[in-house]
mmCIF file of all heavy atoms, coordinates in Angstrom:
data_MODEL
# 
_entry.id   MODEL 
# 
loop_
_atom_site.group_PDB 
_atom_site.id 
_atom_site.type_symbol 
_atom_site.label_atom_id 
_atom_site.label_alt_id 
_atom_site.label_comp_id 
_atom_site.label_asym_id 
_atom_site.label_entity_id 
_atom_site.label_seq_id 
_atom_site.pdbx_PDB_ins_code 
_atom_site.Cartn_x 
_atom_site.Cartn_y 
_atom_site.Cartn_z 
_atom_site.occupancy 
_atom_site.B_iso_or_equiv 
_atom_site.pdbx_formal_charge 
_atom_site.auth_seq_id 
_atom_site.auth_comp_id 
_atom_site.auth_asym_id 
_atom_site.auth_atom_id 
_atom_site.pdbx_PDB_model_num 
ATOM 1   N N   . ASP A 1 1  ? 0.845  -1.224  -0.003  1.00 0.00 ? 1  ASP A N   1 
ATOM 2   C CA  . ASP A 1 1  ? 0.023  0.001   0.006   1.00 0.00 ? 1  ASP A CA  1 
ATOM 3   C C   . ASP A 1 1  ? 0.803  1.254   0.044   1.00 0.00 ? 1  ASP A C   1 
ATOM 4   O O   . ASP A 1 1  ? 0.324  2.364   0.163   1.00 0.00 ? 1  ASP A O   1 
ATOM 5   C CB  . ASP A 1 1  ? -0.978 -0.061  1.185   1.00 0.00 ? 1  ASP A CB  1 
ATOM 6   C CG  . ASP A 1 1  ? -2.083 -1.054  1.100   1.00 0.00 ? 1  ASP A CG  1 
ATOM 7   O OD1 . ASP A 1 1  ? -2.489 -1.257  -0.152  1.00 0.00 ? 1  ASP A OD1 1 
ATOM 8   O OD2 . ASP A 1 1  ? -2.444 -1.627  2.086   1.00 0.00 ? 1  ASP A OD2 1 
ATOM 9   N N   . ASN A 1 2  ? 2.204  1.165   -0.114  1.00 0.00 ? 2  ASN A N   1 
ATOM 10  C CA  . ASN A 1 2  ? 2.891  2.303   -0.321  1.00 0.00 ? 2  ASN A CA  1 
ATOM 11  C C   . ASN A 1 2  ? 2.487  3.012   -1.598  1.00 0.00 ? 2  ASN A C   1 
ATOM 12  O O   . ASN A 1 2  ? 2.116  2.360   -2.598  1.00 0.00 ? 2  ASN A O   1 
ATOM 13  C CB  . ASN A 1 2  ? 4.454  2.004   -0.465  1.00 0.00 ? 2  ASN A CB  1 
ATOM 14  C CG  . ASN A 1 2  ? 5.036  1.592   0.867   1.00 0.00 ? 2  ASN A CG  1 
ATOM 15  O OD1 . ASN A 1 2  ? 4.338  1.510   1.923   1.00 0.00 ? 2  ASN A OD1 1 
ATOM 16  N ND2 . ASN A 1 2  ? 6.359  1.279   0.884   1.00 0.00 ? 2  ASN A ND2 1 
ATOM 17  N N   . ILE A 1 3  ? 2.616  4.354   -1.629  1.00 0.00 ? 3  ILE A N   1 
ATOM 18  C CA  . ILE A 1 3  ? 2.228  5.063   -2.796  1.00 0.00 ? 3  ILE A CA  1 
ATOM 19  C C   . ILE A 1 3  ? 3.381  4.949   -3.873  1.00 0.00 ? 3  ILE A C   1 
ATOM 20  O O   . ILE A 1 3  ? 4.556  5.161   -3.533  1.00 0.00 ? 3  ILE A O   1 
ATOM 21  C CB  . ILE A 1 3  ? 2.090  6.516   -2.538  1.00 0.00 ? 3  ILE A CB  1 
ATOM 22  C CG1 . ILE A 1 3  ? 0.710  6.651   -1.723  1.00 0.00 ? 3  ILE A CG1 1 
ATOM 23  C CG2 . ILE A 1 3  ? 1.848  7.411   -3.918  1.00 0.00 ? 3  ILE A CG2 1 
ATOM 24  C CD1 . ILE A 1 3  ? 0.503  8.148   -1.218  1.00 0.00 ? 3  ILE A CD1 1 
ATOM 25  N N   . ALA A 1 4  ? 3.057  4.550   -5.018  1.00 0.00 ? 4  ALA A N   1 
ATOM 26  C CA  . ALA A 1 4  ? 4.070  4.401   -6.175  1.00 0.00 ? 4  ALA A CA  1 
ATOM 27  C C   . ALA A 1 4  ? 4.112  5.699   -7.064  1.00 0.00 ? 4  ALA A C   1 
ATOM 28  O O   . ALA A 1 4  ? 5.089  6.248   -7.328  1.00 0.00 ? 4  ALA A O   1 
ATOM 29  C CB  . ALA A 1 4  ? 3.774  3.165   -7.039  1.00 0.00 ? 4  ALA A CB  1 
ATOM 30  N N   . LEU A 1 5  ? 2.863  6.067   -7.532  1.00 0.00 ? 5  LEU A N   1 
ATOM 31  C CA  . LEU A 1 5  ? 2.747  7.150   -8.412  1.00 0.00 ? 5  LEU A CA  1 
ATOM 32  C C   . LEU A 1 5  ? 1.684  8.107   -7.942  1.00 0.00 ? 5  LEU A C   1 
ATOM 33  O O   . LEU A 1 5  ? 0.606  7.561   -7.302  1.00 0.00 ? 5  LEU A O   1 
ATOM 34  C CB  . LEU A 1 5  ? 2.365  6.621   -9.859  1.00 0.00 ? 5  LEU A CB  1 
ATOM 35  C CG  . LEU A 1 5  ? 3.346  5.686   -10.414 1.00 0.00 ? 5  LEU A CG  1 
ATOM 36  C CD1 . LEU A 1 5  ? 2.717  5.150   -11.807 1.00 0.00 ? 5  LEU A CD1 1 
ATOM 37  C CD2 . LEU A 1 5  ? 4.695  6.201   -10.711 1.00 0.00 ? 5  LEU A CD2 1 
ATOM 38  N N   . ILE A 1 6  ? 1.778  9.369   -8.115  1.00 0.00 ? 6  ILE A N   1 
ATOM 39  C CA  . ILE A 1 6  ? 0.783  10.298  -7.804  1.00 0.00 ? 6  ILE A CA  1 
ATOM 40  C C   . ILE A 1 6  ? 0.702  11.390  -8.766  1.00 0.00 ? 6  ILE A C   1 
ATOM 41  O O   . ILE A 1 6  ? 1.684  11.819  -9.270  1.00 0.00 ? 6  ILE A O   1 
ATOM 42  C CB  . ILE A 1 6  ? 0.929  10.770  -6.371  1.00 0.00 ? 6  ILE A CB  1 
ATOM 43  C CG1 . ILE A 1 6  ? -0.170 11.721  -5.876  1.00 0.00 ? 6  ILE A CG1 1 
ATOM 44  C CG2 . ILE A 1 6  ? 2.243  11.439  -6.240  1.00 0.00 ? 6  ILE A CG2 1 
ATOM 45  C CD1 . ILE A 1 6  ? -0.178 12.079  -4.460  1.00 0.00 ? 6  ILE A CD1 1 
ATOM 46  N N   . SER A 1 7  ? -0.469 11.928  -9.130  1.00 0.00 ? 7  SER A N   1 
ATOM 47  C CA  . SER A 1 7  ? -0.650 12.996  -10.042 1.00 0.00 ? 7  SER A CA  1 
ATOM 48  C C   . SER A 1 7  ? -1.943 13.660  -9.617  1.00 0.00 ? 7  SER A C   1 
ATOM 49  O O   . SER A 1 7  ? -2.836 13.242  -8.981  1.00 0.00 ? 7  SER A O   1 
ATOM 50  C CB  . SER A 1 7  ? -0.627 12.599  -11.525 1.00 0.00 ? 7  SER A CB  1 
ATOM 51  O OG  . SER A 1 7  ? -1.878 11.938  -11.796 1.00 0.00 ? 7  SER A OG  1 
ATOM 52  N N   . ASN A 1 8  ? -2.095 14.885  -10.217 1.00 0.00 ? 8  ASN A N   1 
ATOM 53  C CA  . ASN A 1 8  ? -3.301 15.726  -9.923  1.00 0.00 ? 8  ASN A CA  1 
ATOM 54  C C   . ASN A 1 8  ? -4.564 15.071  -10.582 1.00 0.00 ? 8  ASN A C   1 
ATOM 55  O O   . ASN A 1 8  ? -5.657 15.139  -10.082 1.00 0.00 ? 8  ASN A O   1 
ATOM 56  C CB  . ASN A 1 8  ? -3.163 17.141  -10.413 1.00 0.00 ? 8  ASN A CB  1 
ATOM 57  C CG  . ASN A 1 8  ? -2.316 17.954  -9.589  1.00 0.00 ? 8  ASN A CG  1 
ATOM 58  O OD1 . ASN A 1 8  ? -2.030 17.623  -8.390  1.00 0.00 ? 8  ASN A OD1 1 
ATOM 59  N ND2 . ASN A 1 8  ? -1.655 19.054  -10.113 1.00 0.00 ? 8  ASN A ND2 1 
ATOM 60  N N   . SER A 1 9  ? -4.294 14.358  -11.731 1.00 0.00 ? 9  SER A N   1 
ATOM 61  C CA  . SER A 1 9  ? -5.439 13.720  -12.459 1.00 0.00 ? 9  SER A CA  1 
ATOM 62  C C   . SER A 1 9  ? -5.887 12.425  -11.879 1.00 0.00 ? 9  SER A C   1 
ATOM 63  O O   . SER A 1 9  ? -7.061 12.076  -11.984 1.00 0.00 ? 9  SER A O   1 
ATOM 64  C CB  . SER A 1 9  ? -5.058 13.578  -13.890 1.00 0.00 ? 9  SER A CB  1 
ATOM 65  O OG  . SER A 1 9  ? -4.000 12.808  -14.135 1.00 0.00 ? 9  SER A OG  1 
ATOM 66  N N   . THR A 1 10 ? -4.901 11.680  -11.312 1.00 0.00 ? 10 THR A N   1 
ATOM 67  C CA  . THR A 1 10 ? -5.231 10.290  -10.901 1.00 0.00 ? 10 THR A CA  1 
ATOM 68  C C   . THR A 1 10 ? -5.288 10.189  -9.339  1.00 0.00 ? 10 THR A C   1 
ATOM 69  O O   . THR A 1 10 ? -5.922 9.201   -8.848  1.00 0.00 ? 10 THR A O   1 
ATOM 70  C CB  . THR A 1 10 ? -4.194 9.297   -11.305 1.00 0.00 ? 10 THR A CB  1 
ATOM 71  O OG1 . THR A 1 10 ? -2.968 9.735   -10.787 1.00 0.00 ? 10 THR A OG1 1 
ATOM 72  C CG2 . THR A 1 10 ? -4.055 9.330   -12.925 1.00 0.00 ? 10 THR A CG2 1 
ATOM 73  N N   . GLY A 1 11 ? -4.653 11.146  -8.628  1.00 0.00 ? 11 GLY A N   1 
ATOM 74  C CA  . GLY A 1 11 ? -4.604 10.937  -7.192  1.00 0.00 ? 11 GLY A CA  1 
ATOM 75  C C   . GLY A 1 11 ? -3.428 9.848   -6.964  1.00 0.00 ? 11 GLY A C   1 
ATOM 76  O O   . GLY A 1 11 ? -2.842 9.397   -7.891  1.00 0.00 ? 11 GLY A O   1 
ATOM 77  N N   . PRO A 1 12 ? -3.366 9.381   -5.663  1.00 0.00 ? 12 PRO A N   1 
ATOM 78  C CA  . PRO A 1 12 ? -2.311 8.481   -5.347  1.00 0.00 ? 12 PRO A CA  1 
ATOM 79  C C   . PRO A 1 12 ? -2.563 7.086   -5.934  1.00 0.00 ? 12 PRO A C   1 
ATOM 80  O O   . PRO A 1 12 ? -3.711 6.595   -5.894  1.00 0.00 ? 12 PRO A O   1 
ATOM 81  C CB  . PRO A 1 12 ? -2.293 8.400   -3.781  1.00 0.00 ? 12 PRO A CB  1 
ATOM 82  C CG  . PRO A 1 12 ? -3.706 8.871   -3.372  1.00 0.00 ? 12 PRO A CG  1 
ATOM 83  C CD  . PRO A 1 12 ? -4.083 9.889   -4.504  1.00 0.00 ? 12 PRO A CD  1 
ATOM 84  N N   . ILE A 1 13 ? -1.574 6.294   -6.384  1.00 0.00 ? 13 ILE A N   1 
ATOM 85  C CA  . ILE A 1 13 ? -1.711 5.028   -6.966  1.00 0.00 ? 13 ILE A CA  1 
ATOM 86  C C   . ILE A 1 13 ? -0.705 4.119   -6.146  1.00 0.00 ? 13 ILE A C   1 
ATOM 87  O O   . ILE A 1 13 ? 0.432  4.399   -6.089  1.00 0.00 ? 13 ILE A O   1 
ATOM 88  C CB  . ILE A 1 13 ? -1.250 4.951   -8.389  1.00 0.00 ? 13 ILE A CB  1 
ATOM 89  C CG1 . ILE A 1 13 ? -2.331 5.839   -9.285  1.00 0.00 ? 13 ILE A CG1 1 
ATOM 90  C CG2 . ILE A 1 13 ? -1.212 3.573   -8.983  1.00 0.00 ? 13 ILE A CG2 1 
ATOM 91  C CD1 . ILE A 1 13 ? -1.888 6.062   -10.731 1.00 0.00 ? 13 ILE A CD1 1 
ATOM 92  N N   . THR A 1 14 ? -1.194 3.213   -5.386  1.00 0.00 ? 14 THR A N   1 
ATOM 93  C CA  . THR A 1 14 ? -0.308 2.312   -4.553  1.00 0.00 ? 14 THR A CA  1 
ATOM 94  C C   . THR A 1 14 ? 0.339  1.329   -5.434  1.00 0.00 ? 14 THR A C   1 
ATOM 95  O O   . THR A 1 14 ? 0.043  1.085   -6.608  1.00 0.00 ? 14 THR A O   1 
ATOM 96  C CB  . THR A 1 14 ? -1.199 1.669   -3.475  1.00 0.00 ? 14 THR A CB  1 
ATOM 97  O OG1 . THR A 1 14 ? -2.044 0.776   -4.091  1.00 0.00 ? 14 THR A OG1 1 
ATOM 98  C CG2 . THR A 1 14 ? -1.865 2.671   -2.558  1.00 0.00 ? 14 THR A CG2 1 
ATOM 99  N N   . TYR A 1 15 ? 1.380  0.584   -4.856  1.00 0.00 ? 15 TYR A N   1 
ATOM 100 C CA  . TYR A 1 15 ? 2.020  -0.460  -5.535  1.00 0.00 ? 15 TYR A CA  1 
ATOM 101 C C   . TYR A 1 15 ? 1.033  -1.590  -5.889  1.00 0.00 ? 15 TYR A C   1 
ATOM 102 O O   . TYR A 1 15 ? 1.082  -2.204  -6.875  1.00 0.00 ? 15 TYR A O   1 
ATOM 103 C CB  . TYR A 1 15 ? 3.187  -0.949  -4.823  1.00 0.00 ? 15 TYR A CB  1 
ATOM 104 C CG  . TYR A 1 15 ? 4.398  -0.093  -5.038  1.00 0.00 ? 15 TYR A CG  1 
ATOM 105 C CD1 . TYR A 1 15 ? 4.646  1.019   -4.188  1.00 0.00 ? 15 TYR A CD1 1 
ATOM 106 C CD2 . TYR A 1 15 ? 5.311  -0.361  -6.015  1.00 0.00 ? 15 TYR A CD2 1 
ATOM 107 C CE1 . TYR A 1 15 ? 5.718  1.758   -4.399  1.00 0.00 ? 15 TYR A CE1 1 
ATOM 108 C CE2 . TYR A 1 15 ? 6.386  0.470   -6.201  1.00 0.00 ? 15 TYR A CE2 1 
ATOM 109 C CZ  . TYR A 1 15 ? 6.700  1.531   -5.459  1.00 0.00 ? 15 TYR A CZ  1 
ATOM 110 O OH  . TYR A 1 15 ? 7.735  2.433   -5.732  1.00 0.00 ? 15 TYR A OH  1 
ATOM 111 N N   . ASN A 1 16 ? 0.019  -1.823  -5.049  1.00 0.00 ? 16 ASN A N   1 
ATOM 112 C CA  . ASN A 1 16 ? -1.062 -2.770  -5.298  1.00 0.00 ? 16 ASN A CA  1 
ATOM 113 C C   . ASN A 1 16 ? -1.831 -2.335  -6.492  1.00 0.00 ? 16 ASN A C   1 
ATOM 114 O O   . ASN A 1 16 ? -2.190 -3.243  -7.306  1.00 0.00 ? 16 ASN A O   1 
ATOM 115 C CB  . ASN A 1 16 ? -1.949 -2.966  -4.060  1.00 0.00 ? 16 ASN A CB  1 
ATOM 116 C CG  . ASN A 1 16 ? -1.253 -3.798  -2.901  1.00 0.00 ? 16 ASN A CG  1 
ATOM 117 O OD1 . ASN A 1 16 ? -0.395 -4.551  -3.160  1.00 0.00 ? 16 ASN A OD1 1 
ATOM 118 N ND2 . ASN A 1 16 ? -1.763 -3.560  -1.745  1.00 0.00 ? 16 ASN A ND2 1 
ATOM 119 N N   . ASN A 1 17 ? -2.202 -1.021  -6.529  1.00 0.00 ? 17 ASN A N   1 
ATOM 120 C CA  . ASN A 1 17 ? -2.946 -0.561  -7.751  1.00 0.00 ? 17 ASN A CA  1 
ATOM 121 C C   . ASN A 1 17 ? -2.103 -0.770  -8.933  1.00 0.00 ? 17 ASN A C   1 
ATOM 122 O O   . ASN A 1 17 ? -2.514 -1.145  -10.052 1.00 0.00 ? 17 ASN A O   1 
ATOM 123 C CB  . ASN A 1 17 ? -3.288 0.895   -7.558  1.00 0.00 ? 17 ASN A CB  1 
ATOM 124 C CG  . ASN A 1 17 ? -4.198 1.306   -6.394  1.00 0.00 ? 17 ASN A CG  1 
ATOM 125 O OD1 . ASN A 1 17 ? -4.036 2.268   -5.808  1.00 0.00 ? 17 ASN A OD1 1 
ATOM 126 N ND2 . ASN A 1 17 ? -5.033 0.350   -6.003  1.00 0.00 ? 17 ASN A ND2 1 
ATOM 127 N N   . LEU A 1 18 ? -0.688 -0.440  -8.872  1.00 0.00 ? 18 LEU A N   1 
ATOM 128 C CA  . LEU A 1 18 ? 0.123  -0.497  -10.004 1.00 0.00 ? 18 LEU A CA  1 
ATOM 129 C C   . LEU A 1 18 ? 0.271  -1.999  -10.545 1.00 0.00 ? 18 LEU A C   1 
ATOM 130 O O   . LEU A 1 18 ? 0.180  -2.202  -11.757 1.00 0.00 ? 18 LEU A O   1 
ATOM 131 C CB  . LEU A 1 18 ? 1.576  0.000   -9.520  1.00 0.00 ? 18 LEU A CB  1 
ATOM 132 C CG  . LEU A 1 18 ? 2.633  -0.102  -10.556 1.00 0.00 ? 18 LEU A CG  1 
ATOM 133 C CD1 . LEU A 1 18 ? 2.323  0.750   -11.776 1.00 0.00 ? 18 LEU A CD1 1 
ATOM 134 C CD2 . LEU A 1 18 ? 3.981  0.404   -9.998  1.00 0.00 ? 18 LEU A CD2 1 
ATOM 135 N N   . ILE A 1 19 ? 0.334  -2.875  -9.741  1.00 0.00 ? 19 ILE A N   1 
ATOM 136 C CA  . ILE A 1 19 ? 0.343  -4.366  -10.004 1.00 0.00 ? 19 ILE A CA  1 
ATOM 137 C C   . ILE A 1 19 ? -0.906 -4.749  -10.775 1.00 0.00 ? 19 ILE A C   1 
ATOM 138 O O   . ILE A 1 19 ? -0.922 -5.474  -11.733 1.00 0.00 ? 19 ILE A O   1 
ATOM 139 C CB  . ILE A 1 19 ? 0.558  -5.247  -8.748  1.00 0.00 ? 19 ILE A CB  1 
ATOM 140 C CG1 . ILE A 1 19 ? 1.941  -5.051  -8.066  1.00 0.00 ? 19 ILE A CG1 1 
ATOM 141 C CG2 . ILE A 1 19 ? 0.369  -6.689  -9.117  1.00 0.00 ? 19 ILE A CG2 1 
ATOM 142 C CD1 . ILE A 1 19 ? 3.124  -5.320  -9.000  1.00 0.00 ? 19 ILE A CD1 1 
ATOM 143 N N   . GLU A 1 20 ? -2.094 -4.248  -10.283 1.00 0.00 ? 20 GLU A N   1 
ATOM 144 C CA  . GLU A 1 20 ? -3.342 -4.578  -10.982 1.00 0.00 ? 20 GLU A CA  1 
ATOM 145 C C   . GLU A 1 20 ? -3.267 -4.047  -12.428 1.00 0.00 ? 20 GLU A C   1 
ATOM 146 O O   . GLU A 1 20 ? -3.703 -4.724  -13.385 1.00 0.00 ? 20 GLU A O   1 
ATOM 147 C CB  . GLU A 1 20 ? -4.466 -3.909  -10.267 1.00 0.00 ? 20 GLU A CB  1 
ATOM 148 C CG  . GLU A 1 20 ? -4.922 -4.547  -8.878  1.00 0.00 ? 20 GLU A CG  1 
ATOM 149 C CD  . GLU A 1 20 ? -5.788 -3.678  -7.993  1.00 0.00 ? 20 GLU A CD  1 
ATOM 150 O OE1 . GLU A 1 20 ? -6.467 -2.775  -8.698  1.00 0.00 ? 20 GLU A OE1 1 
ATOM 151 O OE2 . GLU A 1 20 ? -6.153 -4.059  -6.916  1.00 0.00 ? 20 GLU A OE2 1 
ATOM 152 N N   . LYS A 1 21 ? -2.732 -2.873  -12.728 1.00 0.00 ? 21 LYS A N   1 
ATOM 153 C CA  . LYS A 1 21 ? -2.675 -2.274  -13.971 1.00 0.00 ? 21 LYS A CA  1 
ATOM 154 C C   . LYS A 1 21 ? -1.604 -3.082  -14.781 1.00 0.00 ? 21 LYS A C   1 
ATOM 155 O O   . LYS A 1 21 ? -1.959 -3.247  -16.012 1.00 0.00 ? 21 LYS A O   1 
ATOM 156 C CB  . LYS A 1 21 ? -2.233 -0.844  -13.889 1.00 0.00 ? 21 LYS A CB  1 
ATOM 157 C CG  . LYS A 1 21 ? -3.235 0.137   -13.243 1.00 0.00 ? 21 LYS A CG  1 
ATOM 158 C CD  . LYS A 1 21 ? -4.545 0.272   -13.952 1.00 0.00 ? 21 LYS A CD  1 
ATOM 159 C CE  . LYS A 1 21 ? -5.421 1.292   -13.153 1.00 0.00 ? 21 LYS A CE  1 
ATOM 160 N NZ  . LYS A 1 21 ? -6.807 1.308   -13.851 1.00 0.00 ? 21 LYS A NZ  1 
ATOM 161 N N   . ILE A 1 22 ? -0.486 -3.513  -14.175 1.00 0.00 ? 22 ILE A N   1 
ATOM 162 C CA  . ILE A 1 22 ? 0.460  -4.235  -14.873 1.00 0.00 ? 22 ILE A CA  1 
ATOM 163 C C   . ILE A 1 22 ? -0.068 -5.523  -15.289 1.00 0.00 ? 22 ILE A C   1 
ATOM 164 O O   . ILE A 1 22 ? 0.072  -6.074  -16.393 1.00 0.00 ? 22 ILE A O   1 
ATOM 165 C CB  . ILE A 1 22 ? 1.638  -4.505  -13.941 1.00 0.00 ? 22 ILE A CB  1 
ATOM 166 C CG1 . ILE A 1 22 ? 2.469  -3.193  -13.829 1.00 0.00 ? 22 ILE A CG1 1 
ATOM 167 C CG2 . ILE A 1 22 ? 2.574  -5.638  -14.512 1.00 0.00 ? 22 ILE A CG2 1 
ATOM 168 C CD1 . ILE A 1 22 ? 3.536  -3.283  -12.747 1.00 0.00 ? 22 ILE A CD1 1 
ATOM 169 N N   . ASN A 1 23 ? -0.925 -6.121  -14.537 1.00 0.00 ? 23 ASN A N   1 
ATOM 170 C CA  . ASN A 1 23 ? -1.596 -7.529  -14.872 1.00 0.00 ? 23 ASN A CA  1 
ATOM 171 C C   . ASN A 1 23 ? -2.564 -7.360  -15.995 1.00 0.00 ? 23 ASN A C   1 
ATOM 172 O O   . ASN A 1 23 ? -2.762 -8.283  -16.883 1.00 0.00 ? 23 ASN A O   1 
ATOM 173 C CB  . ASN A 1 23 ? -2.194 -8.071  -13.594 1.00 0.00 ? 23 ASN A CB  1 
ATOM 174 C CG  . ASN A 1 23 ? -1.215 -8.604  -12.689 1.00 0.00 ? 23 ASN A CG  1 
ATOM 175 O OD1 . ASN A 1 23 ? -0.046 -8.803  -13.083 1.00 0.00 ? 23 ASN A OD1 1 
ATOM 176 N ND2 . ASN A 1 23 ? -1.528 -8.773  -11.383 1.00 0.00 ? 23 ASN A ND2 1 
ATOM 177 N N   . ILE A 1 24 ? -3.324 -6.182  -16.029 1.00 0.00 ? 24 ILE A N   1 
ATOM 178 C CA  . ILE A 1 24 ? -4.214 -5.908  -17.154 1.00 0.00 ? 24 ILE A CA  1 
ATOM 179 C C   . ILE A 1 24 ? -3.380 -5.904  -18.514 1.00 0.00 ? 24 ILE A C   1 
ATOM 180 O O   . ILE A 1 24 ? -3.911 -6.485  -19.501 1.00 0.00 ? 24 ILE A O   1 
ATOM 181 C CB  . ILE A 1 24 ? -5.067 -4.680  -16.976 1.00 0.00 ? 24 ILE A CB  1 
ATOM 182 C CG1 . ILE A 1 24 ? -6.027 -4.710  -15.790 1.00 0.00 ? 24 ILE A CG1 1 
ATOM 183 C CG2 . ILE A 1 24 ? -5.748 -4.139  -18.241 1.00 0.00 ? 24 ILE A CG2 1 
ATOM 184 C CD1 . ILE A 1 24 ? -6.737 -3.475  -15.373 1.00 0.00 ? 24 ILE A CD1 1 
ATOM 185 N N   . ILE A 1 25 ? -2.329 -5.171  -18.426 1.00 0.00 ? 25 ILE A N   1 
ATOM 186 C CA  . ILE A 1 25 ? -1.528 -5.084  -19.632 1.00 0.00 ? 25 ILE A CA  1 
ATOM 187 C C   . ILE A 1 25 ? -0.969 -6.515  -20.041 1.00 0.00 ? 25 ILE A C   1 
ATOM 188 O O   . ILE A 1 25 ? -0.862 -6.711  -21.180 1.00 0.00 ? 25 ILE A O   1 
ATOM 189 C CB  . ILE A 1 25 ? -0.339 -3.968  -19.450 1.00 0.00 ? 25 ILE A CB  1 
ATOM 190 C CG1 . ILE A 1 25 ? -1.005 -2.673  -19.305 1.00 0.00 ? 25 ILE A CG1 1 
ATOM 191 C CG2 . ILE A 1 25 ? 0.636  -3.987  -20.633 1.00 0.00 ? 25 ILE A CG2 1 
ATOM 192 C CD1 . ILE A 1 25 ? 0.045  -1.619  -18.922 1.00 0.00 ? 25 ILE A CD1 1 
ATOM 193 N N   . LYS A 1 26 ? -0.454 -7.180  -19.063 1.00 0.00 ? 26 LYS A N   1 
ATOM 194 C CA  . LYS A 1 26 ? 0.015  -8.555  -19.314 1.00 0.00 ? 26 LYS A CA  1 
ATOM 195 C C   . LYS A 1 26 ? -0.975 -9.429  -19.961 1.00 0.00 ? 26 LYS A C   1 
ATOM 196 O O   . LYS A 1 26 ? -0.514 -10.325 -20.849 1.00 0.00 ? 26 LYS A O   1 
ATOM 197 C CB  . LYS A 1 26 ? 0.417  -9.189  -17.972 1.00 0.00 ? 26 LYS A CB  1 
ATOM 198 C CG  . LYS A 1 26 ? 1.192  -10.441 -18.061 1.00 0.00 ? 26 LYS A CG  1 
ATOM 199 C CD  . LYS A 1 26 ? 1.661  -11.016 -16.749 1.00 0.00 ? 26 LYS A CD  1 
ATOM 200 C CE  . LYS A 1 26 ? 2.495  -12.222 -16.895 1.00 0.00 ? 26 LYS A CE  1 
ATOM 201 N NZ  . LYS A 1 26 ? 2.984  -12.728 -15.552 1.00 0.00 ? 26 LYS A NZ  1 
ATOM 202 N N   . LYS A 1 27 ? -2.289 -9.258  -19.680 1.00 0.00 ? 27 LYS A N   1 
ATOM 203 C CA  . LYS A 1 27 ? -3.235 -10.085 -20.451 1.00 0.00 ? 27 LYS A CA  1 
ATOM 204 C C   . LYS A 1 27 ? -3.382 -9.806  -21.876 1.00 0.00 ? 27 LYS A C   1 
ATOM 205 O O   . LYS A 1 27 ? -3.815 -10.650 -22.728 1.00 0.00 ? 27 LYS A O   1 
ATOM 206 C CB  . LYS A 1 27 ? -4.556 -9.916  -19.694 1.00 0.00 ? 27 LYS A CB  1 
ATOM 207 C CG  . LYS A 1 27 ? -4.661 -10.496 -18.349 1.00 0.00 ? 27 LYS A CG  1 
ATOM 208 C CD  . LYS A 1 27 ? -6.061 -10.271 -17.723 1.00 0.00 ? 27 LYS A CD  1 
ATOM 209 C CE  . LYS A 1 27 ? -6.122 -10.749 -16.268 1.00 0.00 ? 27 LYS A CE  1 
ATOM 210 N NZ  . LYS A 1 27 ? -7.416 -10.449 -15.614 1.00 0.00 ? 27 LYS A NZ  1 
ATOM 211 N N   . ASN A 1 28 ? -2.905 -8.524  -22.216 1.00 0.00 ? 28 ASN A N   1 
ATOM 212 C CA  . ASN A 1 28 ? -3.030 -8.198  -23.589 1.00 0.00 ? 28 ASN A CA  1 
ATOM 213 C C   . ASN A 1 28 ? -1.832 -8.176  -24.422 1.00 0.00 ? 28 ASN A C   1 
ATOM 214 O O   . ASN A 1 28 ? -1.847 -8.282  -25.679 1.00 0.00 ? 28 ASN A O   1 
ATOM 215 C CB  . ASN A 1 28 ? -3.627 -6.672  -23.643 1.00 0.00 ? 28 ASN A CB  1 
ATOM 216 C CG  . ASN A 1 28 ? -4.987 -6.552  -23.227 1.00 0.00 ? 28 ASN A CG  1 
ATOM 217 O OD1 . ASN A 1 28 ? -5.903 -6.867  -24.038 1.00 0.00 ? 28 ASN A OD1 1 
ATOM 218 N ND2 . ASN A 1 28 ? -5.221 -6.078  -22.039 1.00 0.00 ? 28 ASN A ND2 1 
# 
């Protein structure tokens, strides 16, 4: 749950969130 990325448009993205996005890309 550490914050990995943060921006004004997305808000904070945790490492768990990042892994979820990585897995979506991996499926494609």
